[in-house]
Amino acid sequence: MKNNILHSLSIAALIALSASVVSADIFTLSSGTAYNGKIFKILEGQVTIDVAGGEKTTAPLVDFDGASQEVINKWASSHLESVDVYTKWDSQPVIKSSAISQLPNQFRDPAFKGMVSVDLVLNEKGQVISAKVQKSTHAELEAPSVKAAKAWRFEPAKVAGKSVKSKLRVPFKFSYDGKAG
């Protein structure tokens, strides 16, 4: 009886595992070439897919079949921070105003040092539309860093003289200077 239950559970686990593999995203070009992976980004109508082994492939949206275009467009509408976002510019974003993140009380020690790296996505006006922690030395420093980053304003990045959405990384370095407040 116990072996039958274990056997049934093993079969159920295999079925669930194979179902998750079958449900992976497959994007098909009109030519019939299929890519199994996840959408990484869309830039100027070019769709980049992260395929197996960490490789990336890029193709124009119009080259995908109708079903794949529908999936890509649905993804794009829910991932605005990954659509038409430049990481290379003719003119980089420039800080116009910034806020300083506050050091939590538990870190007010002269020997303390910490860091949070925040990835920002800016819109064409230089406003922060997304701020996500990329890495940090202390989880307690993440929320104040994201809060401060969201208040920053930039002169937007430019490509070919046109303001564009952009992505950049901002480091927040923490230390205690001994002053109260």
N, C-alpha and C. Protein backbone atom coordinates (compact mmCIF):
# COMPACT_ATOMS: atom_id res chain seq x y z
N MET A 1 0.83 -1.20 0.00
CA MET A 1 0.00 0.00 0.00
C MET A 1 0.87 1.26 0.00
N LYS A 2 1.89 1.27 0.94
CA LYS A 2 2.79 2.42 1.04
C LYS A 2 3.55 2.62 -0.27
N ASN A 3 4.01 1.52 -0.88
CA ASN A 3 4.73 1.60 -2.16
C ASN A 3 3.83 2.12 -3.28
N ASN A 4 2.54 1.71 -3.27
CA ASN A 4 1.60 2.19 -4.29
C ASN A 4 1.40 3.70 -4.17
N ILE A 5 1.31 4.19 -2.93
CA ILE A 5 1.14 5.63 -2.72
C ILE A 5 2.38 6.38 -3.21
N LEU A 6 3.57 5.89 -2.84
CA LEU A 6 4.82 6.52 -3.29
C LEU A 6 4.93 6.48 -4.80
N HIS A 7 4.55 5.35 -5.41
CA HIS A 7 4.59 5.23 -6.87
C HIS A 7 3.64 6.24 -7.51
N SER A 8 2.43 6.36 -6.97
CA SER A 8 1.45 7.32 -7.49
C SER A 8 1.94 8.75 -7.36
N LEU A 9 2.57 9.06 -6.21
CA LEU A 9 3.11 10.41 -6.01
C LEU A 9 4.25 10.68 -6.98
N SER A 10 5.09 9.68 -7.24
CA SER A 10 6.20 9.84 -8.18
C SER A 10 5.66 10.11 -9.58
N ILE A 11 4.65 9.37 -9.99
CA ILE A 11 4.05 9.58 -11.32
C ILE A 11 3.43 10.98 -11.39
N ALA A 12 2.73 11.40 -10.34
CA ALA A 12 2.12 12.74 -10.32
C ALA A 12 3.19 13.82 -10.43
N ALA A 13 4.31 13.62 -9.73
CA ALA A 13 5.41 14.60 -9.79
C ALA A 13 6.00 14.67 -11.19
N LEU A 14 6.18 13.52 -11.85
CA LEU A 14 6.71 13.49 -13.21
C LEU A 14 5.75 14.17 -14.18
N ILE A 15 4.46 13.93 -14.03
CA ILE A 15 3.47 14.57 -14.89
C ILE A 15 3.50 16.08 -14.70
N ALA A 16 3.57 16.52 -13.44
CA ALA A 16 3.63 17.96 -13.16
C ALA A 16 4.90 18.56 -13.74
N LEU A 17 6.03 17.88 -13.61
CA LEU A 17 7.29 18.37 -14.14
C LEU A 17 7.23 18.47 -15.66
N SER A 18 6.72 17.42 -16.32
CA SER A 18 6.66 17.46 -17.78
C SER A 18 5.67 18.51 -18.25
N ALA A 19 4.60 18.76 -17.50
CA ALA A 19 3.64 19.80 -17.87
C ALA A 19 4.28 21.16 -17.79
N SER A 20 5.15 21.38 -16.79
CA SER A 20 5.79 22.69 -16.67
C SER A 20 6.78 22.90 -17.81
N VAL A 21 7.42 21.83 -18.30
CA VAL A 21 8.33 21.97 -19.43
C VAL A 21 7.54 22.27 -20.69
N VAL A 22 6.42 21.57 -20.89
CA VAL A 22 5.60 21.78 -22.07
C VAL A 22 5.03 23.20 -22.09
N SER A 23 4.75 23.78 -20.91
CA SER A 23 4.14 25.11 -20.88
C SER A 23 5.16 26.24 -21.01
N ALA A 24 6.44 25.92 -21.27
CA ALA A 24 7.45 26.96 -21.47
C ALA A 24 7.05 27.80 -22.68
N ASP A 25 7.51 29.06 -22.69
CA ASP A 25 7.17 29.95 -23.78
C ASP A 25 7.92 29.56 -25.05
N ILE A 26 7.16 29.36 -26.11
CA ILE A 26 7.74 29.06 -27.42
C ILE A 26 7.29 30.16 -28.36
N PHE A 27 8.27 30.82 -28.96
CA PHE A 27 7.99 31.91 -29.89
C PHE A 27 8.40 31.45 -31.28
N THR A 28 7.47 31.57 -32.23
CA THR A 28 7.71 31.04 -33.56
C THR A 28 7.72 32.16 -34.59
N LEU A 29 8.76 32.14 -35.43
CA LEU A 29 8.85 33.09 -36.53
C LEU A 29 7.95 32.62 -37.66
N SER A 30 7.56 33.51 -38.54
CA SER A 30 6.73 33.15 -39.69
C SER A 30 7.43 32.09 -40.55
N SER A 31 8.77 32.06 -40.52
CA SER A 31 9.54 31.08 -41.29
C SER A 31 9.44 29.67 -40.70
N GLY A 32 8.91 29.55 -39.47
CA GLY A 32 8.79 28.26 -38.82
C GLY A 32 9.84 28.03 -37.73
N THR A 33 10.88 28.86 -37.68
CA THR A 33 11.89 28.73 -36.63
C THR A 33 11.25 29.04 -35.29
N ALA A 34 11.47 28.16 -34.30
CA ALA A 34 10.87 28.34 -32.98
C ALA A 34 11.96 28.54 -31.94
N TYR A 35 11.69 29.42 -30.98
CA TYR A 35 12.60 29.68 -29.87
C TYR A 35 11.87 29.39 -28.57
N ASN A 36 12.50 28.60 -27.71
CA ASN A 36 11.95 28.27 -26.41
C ASN A 36 12.69 29.14 -25.39
N GLY A 37 11.99 30.05 -24.73
CA GLY A 37 12.63 30.91 -23.76
C GLY A 37 11.68 31.97 -23.22
N LYS A 38 12.27 33.01 -22.69
CA LYS A 38 11.51 34.11 -22.08
C LYS A 38 11.90 35.41 -22.77
N ILE A 39 10.95 36.33 -22.87
CA ILE A 39 11.24 37.64 -23.45
C ILE A 39 12.14 38.39 -22.49
N PHE A 40 13.23 38.93 -23.02
CA PHE A 40 14.20 39.69 -22.23
C PHE A 40 13.90 41.19 -22.35
N LYS A 41 13.71 41.68 -23.58
CA LYS A 41 13.39 43.08 -23.79
C LYS A 41 12.86 43.28 -25.20
N ILE A 42 12.27 44.46 -25.41
CA ILE A 42 11.84 44.87 -26.73
C ILE A 42 12.37 46.29 -26.93
N LEU A 43 13.10 46.49 -28.03
CA LEU A 43 13.68 47.80 -28.31
C LEU A 43 13.52 48.09 -29.79
N GLU A 44 12.83 49.18 -30.08
CA GLU A 44 12.60 49.62 -31.46
C GLU A 44 12.04 48.50 -32.34
N GLY A 45 11.06 47.77 -31.82
CA GLY A 45 10.42 46.70 -32.58
C GLY A 45 11.21 45.42 -32.68
N GLN A 46 12.37 45.36 -32.03
CA GLN A 46 13.20 44.15 -32.01
C GLN A 46 12.96 43.42 -30.69
N VAL A 47 12.58 42.16 -30.77
CA VAL A 47 12.29 41.35 -29.59
C VAL A 47 13.50 40.49 -29.28
N THR A 48 14.01 40.61 -28.05
CA THR A 48 15.13 39.78 -27.63
C THR A 48 14.60 38.73 -26.67
N ILE A 49 14.90 37.47 -27.01
CA ILE A 49 14.44 36.33 -26.22
C ILE A 49 15.65 35.67 -25.58
N ASP A 50 15.53 35.41 -24.27
CA ASP A 50 16.56 34.71 -23.51
C ASP A 50 16.26 33.22 -23.69
N VAL A 51 17.08 32.53 -24.48
CA VAL A 51 16.86 31.12 -24.77
C VAL A 51 17.76 30.26 -23.89
N ALA A 52 17.67 28.97 -24.02
CA ALA A 52 18.42 28.03 -23.18
C ALA A 52 19.91 28.34 -23.16
N GLY A 53 20.53 28.09 -22.01
CA GLY A 53 21.97 28.26 -21.88
C GLY A 53 22.41 29.71 -21.74
N GLY A 54 21.47 30.63 -21.47
CA GLY A 54 21.83 32.03 -21.29
C GLY A 54 22.05 32.77 -22.59
N GLU A 55 21.85 32.12 -23.71
CA GLU A 55 21.99 32.78 -25.02
C GLU A 55 20.78 33.67 -25.27
N LYS A 56 20.98 34.69 -26.08
CA LYS A 56 19.88 35.58 -26.45
C LYS A 56 19.78 35.63 -27.96
N THR A 57 18.57 35.71 -28.45
CA THR A 57 18.35 35.87 -29.88
C THR A 57 17.39 37.03 -30.08
N THR A 58 17.58 37.77 -31.16
CA THR A 58 16.77 38.95 -31.43
C THR A 58 16.18 38.85 -32.83
N ALA A 59 14.91 39.22 -32.95
CA ALA A 59 14.23 39.24 -34.25
C ALA A 59 13.17 40.35 -34.23
N PRO A 60 12.85 40.90 -35.40
CA PRO A 60 11.81 41.93 -35.46
C PRO A 60 10.45 41.34 -35.07
N LEU A 61 9.65 42.12 -34.36
CA LEU A 61 8.32 41.67 -33.95
C LEU A 61 7.50 41.20 -35.15
N VAL A 62 7.60 41.92 -36.26
CA VAL A 62 6.79 41.57 -37.44
C VAL A 62 7.17 40.22 -38.04
N ASP A 63 8.34 39.67 -37.69
CA ASP A 63 8.75 38.37 -38.21
C ASP A 63 8.15 37.19 -37.45
N PHE A 64 7.50 37.45 -36.30
CA PHE A 64 6.89 36.38 -35.52
C PHE A 64 5.50 36.07 -36.07
N ASP A 65 5.05 34.82 -35.87
CA ASP A 65 3.70 34.46 -36.30
C ASP A 65 2.68 35.18 -35.42
N GLY A 66 1.42 35.15 -35.82
CA GLY A 66 0.36 35.89 -35.13
C GLY A 66 0.21 35.53 -33.66
N ALA A 67 0.25 34.24 -33.34
CA ALA A 67 0.09 33.81 -31.94
C ALA A 67 1.25 34.34 -31.09
N SER A 68 2.47 34.27 -31.62
CA SER A 68 3.63 34.77 -30.87
C SER A 68 3.55 36.28 -30.70
N GLN A 69 3.13 37.00 -31.74
CA GLN A 69 2.99 38.46 -31.65
C GLN A 69 1.98 38.83 -30.56
N GLU A 70 0.91 38.05 -30.46
CA GLU A 70 -0.11 38.32 -29.44
C GLU A 70 0.49 38.16 -28.03
N VAL A 71 1.26 37.10 -27.82
CA VAL A 71 1.90 36.86 -26.52
C VAL A 71 2.92 37.98 -26.23
N ILE A 72 3.70 38.35 -27.24
CA ILE A 72 4.71 39.39 -27.07
C ILE A 72 4.05 40.72 -26.74
N ASN A 73 2.99 41.08 -27.43
CA ASN A 73 2.29 42.35 -27.17
C ASN A 73 1.66 42.36 -25.78
N LYS A 74 1.14 41.23 -25.34
CA LYS A 74 0.57 41.14 -23.99
C LYS A 74 1.67 41.32 -22.95
N TRP A 75 2.82 40.68 -23.18
CA TRP A 75 3.97 40.83 -22.28
C TRP A 75 4.40 42.30 -22.24
N ALA A 76 4.48 42.92 -23.40
CA ALA A 76 4.93 44.32 -23.48
C ALA A 76 4.02 45.25 -22.68
N SER A 77 2.73 45.03 -22.73
CA SER A 77 1.80 45.91 -22.02
C SER A 77 1.91 45.76 -20.50
N SER A 78 2.42 44.63 -20.03
CA SER A 78 2.58 44.45 -18.58
C SER A 78 4.03 44.60 -18.11
N HIS A 79 4.95 44.92 -19.02
CA HIS A 79 6.37 45.10 -18.67
C HIS A 79 6.90 46.39 -19.30
N LEU A 80 6.22 47.49 -19.05
CA LEU A 80 6.60 48.76 -19.66
C LEU A 80 8.03 49.17 -19.34
N GLU A 81 8.56 48.70 -18.19
CA GLU A 81 9.94 49.04 -17.83
C GLU A 81 10.96 48.28 -18.68
N SER A 82 10.52 47.37 -19.55
CA SER A 82 11.42 46.60 -20.41
C SER A 82 11.19 46.84 -21.89
N VAL A 83 10.33 47.80 -22.21
CA VAL A 83 10.01 48.09 -23.61
C VAL A 83 10.58 49.44 -24.00
N ASP A 84 11.37 49.44 -25.07
CA ASP A 84 12.01 50.64 -25.60
C ASP A 84 12.81 51.39 -24.54
N VAL A 85 13.57 50.65 -23.76
CA VAL A 85 14.44 51.21 -22.73
C VAL A 85 15.88 51.06 -23.21
N TYR A 86 16.57 52.19 -23.30
CA TYR A 86 17.95 52.20 -23.80
C TYR A 86 18.94 52.09 -22.64
N THR A 87 20.01 51.35 -22.88
CA THR A 87 21.11 51.27 -21.92
C THR A 87 22.37 51.92 -22.51
N LYS A 88 22.32 52.27 -23.77
CA LYS A 88 23.41 53.00 -24.45
C LYS A 88 22.79 54.24 -25.07
N TRP A 89 23.45 55.38 -24.86
CA TRP A 89 22.88 56.65 -25.31
C TRP A 89 23.94 57.50 -25.97
N ASP A 90 23.48 58.49 -26.73
CA ASP A 90 24.38 59.52 -27.26
C ASP A 90 24.68 60.51 -26.14
N SER A 91 23.65 60.74 -25.31
CA SER A 91 23.77 61.65 -24.18
C SER A 91 23.14 60.96 -22.97
N GLN A 92 23.93 60.77 -21.91
CA GLN A 92 23.46 60.02 -20.75
C GLN A 92 22.51 60.85 -19.89
N PRO A 93 21.69 60.18 -19.05
CA PRO A 93 20.84 60.92 -18.11
C PRO A 93 21.71 61.70 -17.13
N VAL A 94 21.25 62.89 -16.76
CA VAL A 94 21.98 63.73 -15.82
C VAL A 94 21.05 64.07 -14.67
N ILE A 95 21.53 63.91 -13.43
CA ILE A 95 20.71 64.18 -12.25
C ILE A 95 20.38 65.67 -12.17
N LYS A 96 19.08 65.99 -12.07
CA LYS A 96 18.63 67.37 -11.85
C LYS A 96 18.33 67.60 -10.38
N SER A 97 17.75 66.60 -9.72
CA SER A 97 17.49 66.69 -8.28
C SER A 97 17.54 65.28 -7.70
N SER A 98 18.02 65.20 -6.47
CA SER A 98 18.15 63.89 -5.83
C SER A 98 17.76 64.00 -4.36
N ALA A 99 17.46 62.86 -3.79
CA ALA A 99 17.14 62.76 -2.36
C ALA A 99 18.16 61.81 -1.75
N ILE A 100 18.47 62.02 -0.49
CA ILE A 100 19.40 61.16 0.22
C ILE A 100 18.61 60.17 1.05
N SER A 101 18.99 58.91 0.98
CA SER A 101 18.30 57.91 1.80
C SER A 101 18.80 58.03 3.24
N GLN A 102 17.89 57.83 4.16
CA GLN A 102 18.19 57.95 5.58
C GLN A 102 18.73 56.63 6.13
N LEU A 103 19.75 56.73 6.94
CA LEU A 103 20.36 55.57 7.57
C LEU A 103 19.48 55.14 8.75
N PRO A 104 18.99 53.90 8.74
CA PRO A 104 18.18 53.43 9.87
C PRO A 104 18.97 53.50 11.18
N ASN A 105 18.25 53.75 12.28
CA ASN A 105 18.88 53.94 13.60
C ASN A 105 19.81 52.80 14.00
N GLN A 106 19.46 51.56 13.68
CA GLN A 106 20.28 50.43 14.13
C GLN A 106 21.68 50.42 13.50
N PHE A 107 21.89 51.25 12.47
CA PHE A 107 23.20 51.31 11.82
C PHE A 107 23.99 52.56 12.19
N ARG A 108 23.56 53.27 13.22
CA ARG A 108 24.26 54.51 13.60
C ARG A 108 25.45 54.18 14.49
N ASP A 109 26.47 53.68 13.84
CA ASP A 109 27.71 53.28 14.48
C ASP A 109 28.84 53.78 13.58
N PRO A 110 29.85 54.46 14.14
CA PRO A 110 30.93 55.00 13.31
C PRO A 110 31.64 53.96 12.44
N ALA A 111 31.60 52.70 12.83
CA ALA A 111 32.28 51.66 12.05
C ALA A 111 31.41 51.11 10.91
N PHE A 112 30.14 51.50 10.88
CA PHE A 112 29.22 50.92 9.89
C PHE A 112 29.48 51.45 8.47
N LYS A 113 29.42 50.53 7.52
CA LYS A 113 29.46 50.86 6.10
C LYS A 113 28.50 49.91 5.40
N GLY A 114 27.74 50.43 4.45
CA GLY A 114 26.80 49.61 3.70
C GLY A 114 26.61 50.16 2.31
N MET A 115 25.98 49.34 1.44
CA MET A 115 25.78 49.74 0.07
C MET A 115 24.53 49.07 -0.48
N VAL A 116 23.80 49.83 -1.31
CA VAL A 116 22.66 49.29 -2.04
C VAL A 116 22.80 49.77 -3.48
N SER A 117 22.69 48.85 -4.42
CA SER A 117 22.74 49.18 -5.84
C SER A 117 21.31 49.07 -6.38
N VAL A 118 20.81 50.18 -6.97
CA VAL A 118 19.43 50.23 -7.43
C VAL A 118 19.40 50.44 -8.94
N ASP A 119 18.66 49.59 -9.64
CA ASP A 119 18.46 49.76 -11.08
C ASP A 119 17.25 50.66 -11.29
N LEU A 120 17.46 51.73 -12.05
CA LEU A 120 16.40 52.70 -12.34
C LEU A 120 16.00 52.63 -13.80
N VAL A 121 14.71 52.78 -14.07
CA VAL A 121 14.23 52.99 -15.42
C VAL A 121 13.60 54.37 -15.41
N LEU A 122 14.06 55.21 -16.35
CA LEU A 122 13.56 56.58 -16.46
C LEU A 122 12.70 56.69 -17.71
N ASN A 123 11.65 57.52 -17.62
CA ASN A 123 10.85 57.76 -18.82
C ASN A 123 11.51 58.85 -19.66
N GLU A 124 10.86 59.23 -20.73
CA GLU A 124 11.40 60.22 -21.66
C GLU A 124 11.50 61.61 -21.05
N LYS A 125 10.86 61.82 -19.90
CA LYS A 125 10.92 63.12 -19.22
C LYS A 125 11.97 63.11 -18.10
N GLY A 126 12.61 61.98 -17.87
CA GLY A 126 13.62 61.88 -16.83
C GLY A 126 13.07 61.52 -15.47
N GLN A 127 11.83 61.07 -15.41
CA GLN A 127 11.21 60.66 -14.15
C GLN A 127 11.46 59.16 -13.94
N VAL A 128 11.67 58.78 -12.69
CA VAL A 128 11.89 57.37 -12.35
C VAL A 128 10.55 56.64 -12.42
N ILE A 129 10.48 55.63 -13.29
CA ILE A 129 9.24 54.85 -13.41
C ILE A 129 9.40 53.46 -12.80
N SER A 130 10.64 53.08 -12.50
CA SER A 130 10.89 51.79 -11.85
C SER A 130 12.21 51.89 -11.09
N ALA A 131 12.21 51.38 -9.87
CA ALA A 131 13.42 51.33 -9.04
C ALA A 131 13.44 49.98 -8.35
N LYS A 132 14.44 49.17 -8.68
CA LYS A 132 14.53 47.82 -8.11
C LYS A 132 15.95 47.60 -7.60
N VAL A 133 16.03 46.99 -6.43
CA VAL A 133 17.32 46.69 -5.83
C VAL A 133 17.99 45.59 -6.66
N GLN A 134 19.24 45.86 -7.04
CA GLN A 134 20.03 44.87 -7.78
C GLN A 134 20.85 44.04 -6.80
N LYS A 135 21.46 44.71 -5.80
CA LYS A 135 22.15 44.00 -4.72
C LYS A 135 22.32 44.95 -3.55
N SER A 136 22.54 44.37 -2.37
CA SER A 136 22.72 45.20 -1.18
C SER A 136 23.51 44.43 -0.12
N THR A 137 24.10 45.19 0.79
CA THR A 137 24.82 44.56 1.89
C THR A 137 23.92 44.29 3.08
N HIS A 138 22.81 45.04 3.18
CA HIS A 138 21.89 44.90 4.31
C HIS A 138 20.46 45.11 3.81
N ALA A 139 19.59 44.15 4.02
CA ALA A 139 18.20 44.24 3.55
C ALA A 139 17.49 45.48 4.11
N GLU A 140 17.86 45.91 5.32
CA GLU A 140 17.19 47.06 5.95
C GLU A 140 17.51 48.38 5.22
N LEU A 141 18.52 48.40 4.39
CA LEU A 141 18.87 49.61 3.65
C LEU A 141 18.14 49.71 2.30
N GLU A 142 17.50 48.64 1.89
CA GLU A 142 16.89 48.60 0.56
C GLU A 142 15.70 49.54 0.42
N ALA A 143 14.74 49.49 1.34
CA ALA A 143 13.54 50.34 1.24
C ALA A 143 13.89 51.83 1.24
N PRO A 144 14.77 52.31 2.16
CA PRO A 144 15.12 53.74 2.10
C PRO A 144 15.82 54.13 0.80
N SER A 145 16.59 53.23 0.23
CA SER A 145 17.29 53.52 -1.02
C SER A 145 16.31 53.62 -2.18
N VAL A 146 15.37 52.69 -2.26
CA VAL A 146 14.36 52.72 -3.33
C VAL A 146 13.49 53.97 -3.18
N LYS A 147 13.09 54.30 -1.95
CA LYS A 147 12.28 55.49 -1.71
C LYS A 147 13.01 56.75 -2.17
N ALA A 148 14.28 56.87 -1.83
CA ALA A 148 15.07 58.04 -2.25
C ALA A 148 15.21 58.07 -3.77
N ALA A 149 15.50 56.92 -4.38
CA ALA A 149 15.71 56.87 -5.84
C ALA A 149 14.45 57.27 -6.60
N LYS A 150 13.29 56.89 -6.10
CA LYS A 150 12.03 57.24 -6.78
C LYS A 150 11.77 58.74 -6.77
N ALA A 151 12.41 59.48 -5.88
CA ALA A 151 12.23 60.92 -5.81
C ALA A 151 13.20 61.68 -6.73
N TRP A 152 14.18 61.00 -7.28
CA TRP A 152 15.16 61.65 -8.14
C TRP A 152 14.53 62.08 -9.46
N ARG A 153 15.08 63.14 -10.04
CA ARG A 153 14.67 63.62 -11.37
C ARG A 153 15.93 63.80 -12.21
N PHE A 154 15.81 63.50 -13.49
CA PHE A 154 16.95 63.53 -14.39
C PHE A 154 16.64 64.35 -15.64
N GLU A 155 17.68 64.85 -16.25
CA GLU A 155 17.61 65.30 -17.63
C GLU A 155 17.65 63.98 -18.40
N PRO A 156 16.69 63.71 -19.29
CA PRO A 156 16.61 62.37 -19.88
C PRO A 156 17.79 62.05 -20.80
N ALA A 157 18.00 60.75 -20.99
CA ALA A 157 19.00 60.28 -21.96
C ALA A 157 18.50 60.64 -23.35
N LYS A 158 19.46 60.76 -24.28
CA LYS A 158 19.09 61.09 -25.67
C LYS A 158 19.78 60.15 -26.63
N VAL A 159 19.03 59.76 -27.64
CA VAL A 159 19.54 58.98 -28.75
C VAL A 159 19.11 59.68 -30.02
N ALA A 160 20.07 60.03 -30.85
CA ALA A 160 19.81 60.77 -32.10
C ALA A 160 19.04 62.06 -31.83
N GLY A 161 19.38 62.73 -30.71
CA GLY A 161 18.75 64.00 -30.38
C GLY A 161 17.37 63.89 -29.76
N LYS A 162 16.86 62.68 -29.60
CA LYS A 162 15.51 62.46 -29.07
C LYS A 162 15.60 61.92 -27.64
N SER A 163 14.78 62.46 -26.73
CA SER A 163 14.70 61.93 -25.36
C SER A 163 14.12 60.53 -25.39
N VAL A 164 14.76 59.61 -24.64
CA VAL A 164 14.33 58.21 -24.65
C VAL A 164 14.24 57.67 -23.24
N LYS A 165 13.48 56.57 -23.09
CA LYS A 165 13.47 55.83 -21.83
C LYS A 165 14.86 55.22 -21.67
N SER A 166 15.33 55.16 -20.43
CA SER A 166 16.67 54.64 -20.21
C SER A 166 16.74 53.85 -18.91
N LYS A 167 17.78 53.04 -18.82
CA LYS A 167 18.00 52.24 -17.63
C LYS A 167 19.42 52.49 -17.17
N LEU A 168 19.59 52.68 -15.87
CA LEU A 168 20.90 52.88 -15.29
C LEU A 168 20.92 52.34 -13.88
N ARG A 169 22.11 52.17 -13.35
CA ARG A 169 22.29 51.65 -12.00
C ARG A 169 22.88 52.76 -11.13
N VAL A 170 22.30 52.94 -9.93
CA VAL A 170 22.75 53.97 -9.00
C VAL A 170 23.19 53.30 -7.69
N PRO A 171 24.42 53.56 -7.25
CA PRO A 171 24.87 53.01 -5.97
C PRO A 171 24.56 53.98 -4.82
N PHE A 172 24.03 53.47 -3.74
CA PHE A 172 23.84 54.24 -2.52
C PHE A 172 24.84 53.71 -1.51
N LYS A 173 25.71 54.58 -1.02
CA LYS A 173 26.72 54.17 -0.04
C LYS A 173 26.33 54.77 1.31
N PHE A 174 26.37 53.93 2.33
CA PHE A 174 25.97 54.33 3.67
C PHE A 174 27.16 54.29 4.63
N SER A 175 27.24 55.32 5.47
CA SER A 175 28.18 55.32 6.59
C SER A 175 27.59 56.30 7.60
N TYR A 176 28.03 56.18 8.82
CA TYR A 176 27.51 57.07 9.88
C TYR A 176 28.56 58.12 10.19
N ASP A 177 28.15 59.39 10.08
CA ASP A 177 29.09 60.48 10.30
C ASP A 177 29.09 60.99 11.73
N GLY A 178 28.28 60.39 12.61
CA GLY A 178 28.25 60.79 14.01
C GLY A 178 27.25 61.86 14.33
N LYS A 179 26.59 62.43 13.32
CA LYS A 179 25.59 63.47 13.57
C LYS A 179 24.24 62.82 13.84
N ALA A 180 23.49 63.42 14.70
CA ALA A 180 22.14 62.90 15.03
C ALA A 180 21.20 63.30 13.91
N GLY A 181 20.08 62.53 13.77
CA GLY A 181 19.05 62.91 12.82
C GLY A 181 19.07 62.08 11.69
